[in-house]
Amino acid sequence: CLGHGNSVKFLSANTFSDDTKIIDLGNDFRLEADKVFEGKAF
């Protein structure tokens, strides 16, 4: 529940289990061009 643009920063700085599901309420991964982050496809 971060400000727009801050989800990428947070996930870059913190690691979670491979089993952890992620729901981003910001706009970082909504567009097709931005949906893949470090191998995670949103």
All heavy atoms as atom14 arrays in JSON, in Angstrom:
{
  "sequence": "CLGHGNSVKFLSANTFSDDTKIIDLGNDFRLEADKVFEGKAF",
  "atom14_mask": [
    [1, 1, 1, 1, 1, 1, 0, 0, 0, 0, 0, 0, 0, 0],
    [1, 1, 1, 1, 1, 1, 1, 1, 0, 0, 0, 0, 0, 0],
    [1, 1, 1, 1, 0, 0, 0, 0, 0, 0, 0, 0, 0, 0],
    [1, 1, 1, 1, 1, 1, 1, 1, 1, 1, 0, 0, 0, 0],
    [1, 1, 1, 1, 0, 0, 0, 0, 0, 0, 0, 0, 0, 0],
    [1, 1, 1, 1, 1, 1, 1, 1, 0, 0, 0, 0, 0, 0],
    [1, 1, 1, 1, 1, 1, 0, 0, 0, 0, 0, 0, 0, 0],
    [1, 1, 1, 1, 1, 1, 1, 0, 0, 0, 0, 0, 0, 0],
    [1, 1, 1, 1, 1, 1, 1, 1, 1, 0, 0, 0, 0, 0],
    [1, 1, 1, 1, 1, 1, 1, 1, 1, 1, 1, 0, 0, 0],
    [1, 1, 1, 1, 1, 1, 1, 1, 0, 0, 0, 0, 0, 0],
    [1, 1, 1, 1, 1, 1, 0, 0, 0, 0, 0, 0, 0, 0],
    [1, 1, 1, 1, 1, 0, 0, 0, 0, 0, 0, 0, 0, 0],
    [1, 1, 1, 1, 1, 1, 1, 1, 0, 0, 0, 0, 0, 0],
    [1, 1, 1, 1, 1, 1, 1, 0, 0, 0, 0, 0, 0, 0],
    [1, 1, 1, 1, 1, 1, 1, 1, 1, 1, 1, 0, 0, 0],
    [1, 1, 1, 1, 1, 1, 0, 0, 0, 0, 0, 0, 0, 0],
    [1, 1, 1, 1, 1, 1, 1, 1, 0, 0, 0, 0, 0, 0],
    [1, 1, 1, 1, 1, 1, 1, 1, 0, 0, 0, 0, 0, 0],
    [1, 1, 1, 1, 1, 1, 1, 0, 0, 0, 0, 0, 0, 0],
    [1, 1, 1, 1, 1, 1, 1, 1, 1, 0, 0, 0, 0, 0],
    [1, 1, 1, 1, 1, 1, 1, 1, 0, 0, 0, 0, 0, 0],
    [1, 1, 1, 1, 1, 1, 1, 1, 0, 0, 0, 0, 0, 0],
    [1, 1, 1, 1, 1, 1, 1, 1, 0, 0, 0, 0, 0, 0],
    [1, 1, 1, 1, 1, 1, 1, 1, 0, 0, 0, 0, 0, 0],
    [1, 1, 1, 1, 0, 0, 0, 0, 0, 0, 0, 0, 0, 0],
    [1, 1, 1, 1, 1, 1, 1, 1, 0, 0, 0, 0, 0, 0],
    [1, 1, 1, 1, 1, 1, 1, 1, 0, 0, 0, 0, 0, 0],
    [1, 1, 1, 1, 1, 1, 1, 1, 1, 1, 1, 0, 0, 0],
    [1, 1, 1, 1, 1, 1, 1, 1, 1, 1, 1, 0, 0, 0],
    [1, 1, 1, 1, 1, 1, 1, 1, 0, 0, 0, 0, 0, 0],
    [1, 1, 1, 1, 1, 1, 1, 1, 1, 0, 0, 0, 0, 0],
    [1, 1, 1, 1, 1, 0, 0, 0, 0, 0, 0, 0, 0, 0],
    [1, 1, 1, 1, 1, 1, 1, 1, 0, 0, 0, 0, 0, 0],
    [1, 1, 1, 1, 1, 1, 1, 1, 1, 0, 0, 0, 0, 0],
    [1, 1, 1, 1, 1, 1, 1, 0, 0, 0, 0, 0, 0, 0],
    [1, 1, 1, 1, 1, 1, 1, 1, 1, 1, 1, 0, 0, 0],
    [1, 1, 1, 1, 1, 1, 1, 1, 1, 0, 0, 0, 0, 0],
    [1, 1, 1, 1, 0, 0, 0, 0, 0, 0, 0, 0, 0, 0],
    [1, 1, 1, 1, 1, 1, 1, 1, 1, 0, 0, 0, 0, 0],
    [1, 1, 1, 1, 1, 0, 0, 0, 0, 0, 0, 0, 0, 0],
    [1, 1, 1, 1, 1, 1, 1, 1, 1, 1, 1, 0, 0, 0]
  ],
  "atom14_positions": [
    [[0.85, -1.19, 0.0], [0.0, 0.0, 0.0], [0.89, 1.24, 0.0], [0.77, 2.12, 0.87], [-0.92, -0.01, 1.22], [-2.0, -1.44, 1.33], [0.0, 0.0, 0.0], [0.0, 0.0, 0.0], [0.0, 0.0, 0.0], [0.0, 0.0, 0.0], [0.0, 0.0, 0.0], [0.0, 0.0, 0.0], [0.0, 0.0, 0.0], [0.0, 0.0, 0.0]],
    [[1.76, 1.31, -0.97], [2.78, 2.36, -1.03], [2.42, 3.39, -2.09], [1.6, 3.12, -2.99], [4.13, 1.74, -1.35], [4.66, 0.75, -0.3], [5.83, -0.04, -0.85], [5.05, 1.5, 0.97], [0.0, 0.0, 0.0], [0.0, 0.0, 0.0], [0.0, 0.0, 0.0], [0.0, 0.0, 0.0], [0.0, 0.0, 0.0], [0.0, 0.0, 0.0]],
    [[3.04, 4.54, -2.01], [2.86, 5.55, -3.05], [3.37, 5.04, -4.38], [4.25, 4.16, -4.44], [0.0, 0.0, 0.0], [0.0, 0.0, 0.0], [0.0, 0.0, 0.0], [0.0, 0.0, 0.0], [0.0, 0.0, 0.0], [0.0, 0.0, 0.0], [0.0, 0.0, 0.0], [0.0, 0.0, 0.0], [0.0, 0.0, 0.0], [0.0, 0.0, 0.0]],
    [[2.83, 5.58, -5.44], [3.18, 5.12, -6.78], [4.68, 5.25, -7.01], [5.29, 6.27, -6.72], [2.4, 5.91, -7.83], [0.91, 5.77, -7.68], [0.3, 4.56, -7.45], [-0.09, 6.69, -7.74], [-1.01, 4.74, -7.36], [-1.26, 6.02, -7.52], [0.0, 0.0, 0.0], [0.0, 0.0, 0.0], [0.0, 0.0, 0.0], [0.0, 0.0, 0.0]],
    [[5.27, 4.18, -7.5], [6.69, 4.14, -7.76], [7.52, 3.54, -6.63], [8.7, 3.24, -6.81], [0.0, 0.0, 0.0], [0.0, 0.0, 0.0], [0.0, 0.0, 0.0], [0.0, 0.0, 0.0], [0.0, 0.0, 0.0], [0.0, 0.0, 0.0], [0.0, 0.0, 0.0], [0.0, 0.0, 0.0], [0.0, 0.0, 0.0], [0.0, 0.0, 0.0]],
    [[6.9, 3.33, -5.46], [7.65, 2.85, -4.3], [7.62, 1.34, -4.12], [8.4, 0.8, -3.32], [7.13, 3.53, -3.03], [7.5, 5.0, -2.98], [8.61, 5.38, -3.36], [6.58, 5.83, -2.53], [0.0, 0.0, 0.0], [0.0, 0.0, 0.0], [0.0, 0.0, 0.0], [0.0, 0.0, 0.0], [0.0, 0.0, 0.0], [0.0, 0.0, 0.0]],
    [[6.74, 0.64, -4.84], [6.69, -0.81, -4.69], [7.96, -1.46, -5.23], [8.51, -2.39, -4.63], [5.46, -1.37, -5.41], [4.28, -0.91, -4.79], [0.0, 0.0, 0.0], [0.0, 0.0, 0.0], [0.0, 0.0, 0.0], [0.0, 0.0, 0.0], [0.0, 0.0, 0.0], [0.0, 0.0, 0.0], [0.0, 0.0, 0.0], [0.0, 0.0, 0.0]],
    [[8.45, -0.97, -6.37], [9.69, -1.48, -6.94], [10.84, -1.27, -5.95], [11.66, -2.18, -5.72], [10.0, -0.81, -8.29], [11.45, -1.06, -8.71], [9.06, -1.31, -9.37], [0.0, 0.0, 0.0], [0.0, 0.0, 0.0], [0.0, 0.0, 0.0], [0.0, 0.0, 0.0], [0.0, 0.0, 0.0], [0.0, 0.0, 0.0], [0.0, 0.0, 0.0]],
    [[10.91, -0.1, -5.35], [11.98, 0.19, -4.39], [11.91, -0.76, -3.19], [12.93, -1.3, -2.74], [11.87, 1.64, -3.9], [12.11, 2.69, -4.97], [11.91, 4.08, -4.4], [12.02, 5.15, -5.49], [11.73, 6.5, -4.95], [0.0, 0.0, 0.0], [0.0, 0.0, 0.0], [0.0, 0.0, 0.0], [0.0, 0.0, 0.0], [0.0, 0.0, 0.0]],
    [[10.71, -0.99, -2.69], [10.57, -1.85, -1.52], [10.94, -3.29, -1.85], [11.68, -3.94, -1.1], [9.14, -1.79, -0.96], [8.97, -2.63, 0.27], [9.28, -2.12, 1.51], [8.51, -3.94, 0.18], [9.16, -2.89, 2.66], [8.39, -4.73, 1.32], [8.71, -4.2, 2.56], [0.0, 0.0, 0.0], [0.0, 0.0, 0.0], [0.0, 0.0, 0.0]],
    [[10.44, -3.81, -2.96], [10.73, -5.2, -3.32], [12.2, -5.39, -3.68], [12.75, -6.48, -3.51], [9.84, -5.65, -4.48], [8.34, -5.77, -4.14], [7.55, -6.14, -5.39], [8.11, -6.8, -3.04], [0.0, 0.0, 0.0], [0.0, 0.0, 0.0], [0.0, 0.0, 0.0], [0.0, 0.0, 0.0], [0.0, 0.0, 0.0], [0.0, 0.0, 0.0]],
    [[12.84, -4.34, -4.17], [14.27, -4.42, -4.46], [15.11, -4.52, -3.18], [16.19, -5.11, -3.19], [14.72, -3.19, -5.26], [14.07, -3.14, -6.51], [0.0, 0.0, 0.0], [0.0, 0.0, 0.0], [0.0, 0.0, 0.0], [0.0, 0.0, 0.0], [0.0, 0.0, 0.0], [0.0, 0.0, 0.0], [0.0, 0.0, 0.0], [0.0, 0.0, 0.0]],
    [[14.57, -3.97, -2.09], [15.32, -3.91, -0.84], [14.94, -5.02, 0.14], [15.61, -5.19, 1.17], [15.11, -2.55, -0.17], [0.0, 0.0, 0.0], [0.0, 0.0, 0.0], [0.0, 0.0, 0.0], [0.0, 0.0, 0.0], [0.0, 0.0, 0.0], [0.0, 0.0, 0.0], [0.0, 0.0, 0.0], [0.0, 0.0, 0.0], [0.0, 0.0, 0.0]],
    [[13.87, -5.78, -0.14], [13.38, -6.79, 0.79], [13.07, -8.09, 0.06], [12.58, -8.07, -1.07], [12.11, -6.3, 1.49], [12.35, -5.1, 2.39], [12.68, -5.25, 3.55], [12.2, -3.9, 1.83], [0.0, 0.0, 0.0], [0.0, 0.0, 0.0], [0.0, 0.0, 0.0], [0.0, 0.0, 0.0], [0.0, 0.0, 0.0], [0.0, 0.0, 0.0]],
    [[13.37, -9.2, 0.72], [13.19, -10.51, 0.12], [12.12, -11.29, 0.87], [12.09, -11.28, 2.11], [14.51, -11.32, 0.14], [15.51, -10.57, -0.55], [14.33, -12.67, -0.52], [0.0, 0.0, 0.0], [0.0, 0.0, 0.0], [0.0, 0.0, 0.0], [0.0, 0.0, 0.0], [0.0, 0.0, 0.0], [0.0, 0.0, 0.0], [0.0, 0.0, 0.0]],
    [[11.26, -11.98, 0.13], [10.21, -12.79, 0.73], [10.3, -14.21, 0.19], [10.95, -14.47, -0.82], [8.83, -12.17, 0.45], [8.62, -10.88, 1.18], [9.03, -9.68, 0.61], [8.06, -10.86, 2.44], [8.88, -8.48, 1.3], [7.91, -9.67, 3.14], [8.31, -8.48, 2.56], [0.0, 0.0, 0.0], [0.0, 0.0, 0.0], [0.0, 0.0, 0.0]],
    [[9.61, -15.11, 0.87], [9.6, -16.51, 0.47], [9.1, -16.66, -0.97], [8.27, -15.87, -1.45], [8.69, -17.3, 1.41], [8.31, -18.54, 0.85], [0.0, 0.0, 0.0], [0.0, 0.0, 0.0], [0.0, 0.0, 0.0], [0.0, 0.0, 0.0], [0.0, 0.0, 0.0], [0.0, 0.0, 0.0], [0.0, 0.0, 0.0], [0.0, 0.0, 0.0]],
    [[9.6, -17.7, -1.65], [9.12, -18.0, -3.01], [7.63, -18.33, -3.01], [6.99, -18.26, -4.06], [9.91, -19.17, -3.61], [11.35, -18.79, -3.94], [11.63, -17.58, -4.06], [12.18, -19.71, -4.07], [0.0, 0.0, 0.0], [0.0, 0.0, 0.0], [0.0, 0.0, 0.0], [0.0, 0.0, 0.0], [0.0, 0.0, 0.0], [0.0, 0.0, 0.0]],
    [[7.09, -18.7, -1.85], [5.67, -19.05, -1.75], [4.79, -17.85, -1.44], [3.56, -17.96, -1.46], [5.46, -20.11, -0.66], [6.14, -21.43, -1.0], [6.16, -21.79, -2.19], [6.66, -22.09, -0.07], [0.0, 0.0, 0.0], [0.0, 0.0, 0.0], [0.0, 0.0, 0.0], [0.0, 0.0, 0.0], [0.0, 0.0, 0.0], [0.0, 0.0, 0.0]],
    [[5.39, -16.7, -1.13], [4.62, -15.51, -0.79], [3.98, -14.89, -2.03], [4.67, -14.56, -2.99], [5.51, -14.46, -0.09], [6.05, -15.01, 1.1], [4.71, -13.21, 0.25], [0.0, 0.0, 0.0], [0.0, 0.0, 0.0], [0.0, 0.0, 0.0], [0.0, 0.0, 0.0], [0.0, 0.0, 0.0], [0.0, 0.0, 0.0], [0.0, 0.0, 0.0]],
    [[2.67, -14.75, -2.0], [1.97, -14.05, -3.08], [2.01, -12.55, -2.79], [2.06, -12.14, -1.62], [0.53, -14.55, -3.2], [0.42, -16.06, -3.47], [-1.03, -16.49, -3.55], [-1.19, -18.0, -3.55], [-0.64, -18.64, -4.74], [0.0, 0.0, 0.0], [0.0, 0.0, 0.0], [0.0, 0.0, 0.0], [0.0, 0.0, 0.0], [0.0, 0.0, 0.0]],
    [[1.98, -11.74, -3.84], [2.1, -10.28, -3.69], [0.95, -9.6, -4.43], [0.67, -9.93, -5.59], [3.44, -9.77, -4.23], [4.61, -10.39, -3.45], [3.5, -8.24, -4.15], [5.98, -10.07, -4.03], [0.0, 0.0, 0.0], [0.0, 0.0, 0.0], [0.0, 0.0, 0.0], [0.0, 0.0, 0.0], [0.0, 0.0, 0.0], [0.0, 0.0, 0.0]],
    [[0.3, -8.67, -3.75], [-0.74, -7.84, -4.35], [-0.32, -6.39, -4.18], [-0.23, -5.88, -3.05], [-2.12, -8.09, -3.7], [-2.53, -9.56, -3.86], [-3.18, -7.16, -4.33], [-3.8, -9.92, -3.12], [0.0, 0.0, 0.0], [0.0, 0.0, 0.0], [0.0, 0.0, 0.0], [0.0, 0.0, 0.0], [0.0, 0.0, 0.0], [0.0, 0.0, 0.0]],
    [[-0.02, -5.72, -5.29], [0.45, -4.33, -5.26], [-0.72, -3.4, -5.54], [-1.36, -3.49, -6.59], [1.55, -4.14, -6.31], [2.04, -2.69, -6.34], [2.06, -2.06, -5.26], [2.39, -2.2, -7.42], [0.0, 0.0, 0.0], [0.0, 0.0, 0.0], [0.0, 0.0, 0.0], [0.0, 0.0, 0.0], [0.0, 0.0, 0.0], [0.0, 0.0, 0.0]],
    [[-1.0, -2.5, -4.6], [-2.09, -1.54, -4.79], [-1.63, -0.26, -5.46], [-2.43, 0.65, -5.71], [-2.77, -1.21, -3.46], [-3.76, -2.27, -2.95], [-3.07, -3.47, -2.35], [-4.74, -1.66, -1.95], [0.0, 0.0, 0.0], [0.0, 0.0, 0.0], [0.0, 0.0, 0.0], [0.0, 0.0, 0.0], [0.0, 0.0, 0.0], [0.0, 0.0, 0.0]],
    [[-0.33, -0.14, -5.77], [0.18, 1.01, -6.51], [0.13, 0.76, -8.01], [-0.47, -0.21, -8.49], [0.0, 0.0, 0.0], [0.0, 0.0, 0.0], [0.0, 0.0, 0.0], [0.0, 0.0, 0.0], [0.0, 0.0, 0.0], [0.0, 0.0, 0.0], [0.0, 0.0, 0.0], [0.0, 0.0, 0.0], [0.0, 0.0, 0.0], [0.0, 0.0, 0.0]],
    [[0.79, 1.63, -8.77], [0.7, 1.53, -10.24], [1.98, 0.98, -10.88], [2.14, 1.04, -12.09], [0.35, 2.89, -10.85], [1.49, 3.9, -10.75], [2.52, 3.64, -10.11], [1.31, 5.07, -11.36], [0.0, 0.0, 0.0], [0.0, 0.0, 0.0], [0.0, 0.0, 0.0], [0.0, 0.0, 0.0], [0.0, 0.0, 0.0], [0.0, 0.0, 0.0]],
    [[2.88, 0.43, -10.07], [4.19, 0.06, -10.58], [4.15, -1.05, -11.63], [5.01, -1.11, -12.52], [5.1, -0.38, -9.43], [5.47, 0.76, -8.51], [4.66, 1.69, -8.38], [6.56, 0.72, -7.92], [0.0, 0.0, 0.0], [0.0, 0.0, 0.0], [0.0, 0.0, 0.0], [0.0, 0.0, 0.0], [0.0, 0.0, 0.0], [0.0, 0.0, 0.0]],
    [[3.17, -1.96, -11.56], [3.18, -3.15, -12.41], [1.91, -3.3, -13.26], [1.66, -4.38, -13.81], [3.36, -4.4, -11.54], [4.5, -4.3, -10.58], [4.27, -4.22, -9.2], [5.81, -4.28, -11.03], [5.32, -4.13, -8.31], [6.88, -4.19, -10.14], [6.63, -4.11, -8.78], [0.0, 0.0, 0.0], [0.0, 0.0, 0.0], [0.0, 0.0, 0.0]],
    [[1.13, -2.25, -13.39], [-0.16, -2.38, -14.08], [-0.05, -2.46, -15.59], [-0.87, -3.1, -16.24], [-1.06, -1.19, -13.71], [-1.53, -1.2, -12.27], [-2.26, 0.09, -11.93], [-2.59, 0.15, -10.51], [-2.93, 1.27, -9.88], [-2.97, 2.43, -10.55], [-3.21, 1.24, -8.59], [0.0, 0.0, 0.0], [0.0, 0.0, 0.0], [0.0, 0.0, 0.0]],
    [[0.93, -1.79, -16.16], [1.03, -1.74, -17.61], [1.86, -2.91, -18.13], [2.78, -3.4, -17.46], [1.64, -0.42, -18.05], [0.85, 0.83, -17.67], [1.53, 2.08, -18.23], [-0.6, 0.75, -18.14], [0.0, 0.0, 0.0], [0.0, 0.0, 0.0], [0.0, 0.0, 0.0], [0.0, 0.0, 0.0], [0.0, 0.0, 0.0], [0.0, 0.0, 0.0]],
    [[1.54, -3.35, -19.34], [2.2, -4.5, -19.94], [3.72, -4.33, -19.94], [4.47, -5.29, -19.7], [1.68, -4.68, -21.37], [2.04, -5.99, -22.02], [1.31, -7.19, -21.43], [0.28, -7.01, -20.75], [1.8, -8.31, -21.66], [0.0, 0.0, 0.0], [0.0, 0.0, 0.0], [0.0, 0.0, 0.0], [0.0, 0.0, 0.0], [0.0, 0.0, 0.0]],
    [[4.19, -3.12, -20.19], [5.64, -2.88, -20.26], [6.32, -2.99, -18.9], [7.54, -3.17, -18.84], [5.9, -1.49, -20.85], [0.0, 0.0, 0.0], [0.0, 0.0, 0.0], [0.0, 0.0, 0.0], [0.0, 0.0, 0.0], [0.0, 0.0, 0.0], [0.0, 0.0, 0.0], [0.0, 0.0, 0.0], [0.0, 0.0, 0.0], [0.0, 0.0, 0.0]],
    [[5.55, -2.92, -17.81], [6.13, -2.9, -16.46], [5.8, -4.16, -15.65], [6.18, -4.25, -14.49], [5.6, -1.69, -15.68], [5.87, -0.38, -16.38], [6.95, -0.25, -16.98], [5.0, 0.5, -16.33], [0.0, 0.0, 0.0], [0.0, 0.0, 0.0], [0.0, 0.0, 0.0], [0.0, 0.0, 0.0], [0.0, 0.0, 0.0], [0.0, 0.0, 0.0]],
    [[5.09, -5.11, -16.23], [4.5, -6.18, -15.42], [5.5, -7.21, -14.9], [5.21, -7.95, -13.96], [3.38, -6.89, -16.19], [3.85, -7.8, -17.31], [2.67, -8.52, -17.94], [3.12, -9.56, -18.96], [1.99, -10.27, -19.56], [0.0, 0.0, 0.0], [0.0, 0.0, 0.0], [0.0, 0.0, 0.0], [0.0, 0.0, 0.0], [0.0, 0.0, 0.0]],
    [[6.68, -7.31, -15.51], [7.69, -8.28, -15.06], [8.75, -7.56, -14.24], [9.37, -6.6, -14.7], [8.33, -9.01, -16.25], [9.4, -9.98, -15.76], [7.27, -9.76, -17.06], [0.0, 0.0, 0.0], [0.0, 0.0, 0.0], [0.0, 0.0, 0.0], [0.0, 0.0, 0.0], [0.0, 0.0, 0.0], [0.0, 0.0, 0.0], [0.0, 0.0, 0.0]],
    [[8.94, -8.05, -13.01], [9.93, -7.47, -12.11], [10.73, -8.61, -11.48], [10.17, -9.46, -10.78], [9.25, -6.64, -11.03], [10.18, -6.18, -9.94], [11.07, -5.14, -10.17], [10.18, -6.8, -8.7], [11.94, -4.73, -9.17], [11.04, -6.39, -7.69], [11.93, -5.35, -7.93], [0.0, 0.0, 0.0], [0.0, 0.0, 0.0], [0.0, 0.0, 0.0]],
    [[12.03, -8.63, -11.75], [12.92, -9.66, -11.21], [12.34, -11.06, -11.4], [12.33, -11.89, -10.48], [13.21, -9.39, -9.72], [14.01, -8.1, -9.5], [14.4, -7.89, -8.05], [13.88, -8.62, -7.18], [15.21, -6.99, -7.78], [0.0, 0.0, 0.0], [0.0, 0.0, 0.0], [0.0, 0.0, 0.0], [0.0, 0.0, 0.0], [0.0, 0.0, 0.0]],
    [[11.84, -11.31, -12.59], [11.28, -12.62, -12.93], [9.86, -12.85, -12.47], [9.26, -13.89, -12.78], [0.0, 0.0, 0.0], [0.0, 0.0, 0.0], [0.0, 0.0, 0.0], [0.0, 0.0, 0.0], [0.0, 0.0, 0.0], [0.0, 0.0, 0.0], [0.0, 0.0, 0.0], [0.0, 0.0, 0.0], [0.0, 0.0, 0.0], [0.0, 0.0, 0.0]],
    [[9.29, -11.9, -11.74], [7.91, -12.01, -11.27], [6.99, -11.33, -12.28], [7.13, -10.14, -12.54], [7.74, -11.35, -9.9], [8.61, -11.93, -8.81], [8.45, -11.12, -7.52], [9.27, -11.67, -6.38], [10.73, -11.46, -6.6], [0.0, 0.0, 0.0], [0.0, 0.0, 0.0], [0.0, 0.0, 0.0], [0.0, 0.0, 0.0], [0.0, 0.0, 0.0]],
    [[6.04, -12.08, -12.84], [5.1, -11.52, -13.81], [3.79, -11.19, -13.11], [3.11, -12.09, -12.59], [4.86, -12.51, -14.94], [0.0, 0.0, 0.0], [0.0, 0.0, 0.0], [0.0, 0.0, 0.0], [0.0, 0.0, 0.0], [0.0, 0.0, 0.0], [0.0, 0.0, 0.0], [0.0, 0.0, 0.0], [0.0, 0.0, 0.0], [0.0, 0.0, 0.0]],
    [[3.44, -9.92, -13.07], [2.22, -9.46, -12.4], [1.03, -9.53, -13.36], [1.12, -9.14, -14.52], [2.4, -8.02, -11.91], [3.21, -7.92, -10.64], [4.6, -8.08, -10.67], [2.61, -7.67, -9.43], [5.35, -7.99, -9.51], [3.36, -7.57, -8.25], [4.73, -7.74, -8.31], [0.0, 0.0, 0.0], [0.0, 0.0, 0.0], [0.0, 0.0, 0.0]]
  ]
}
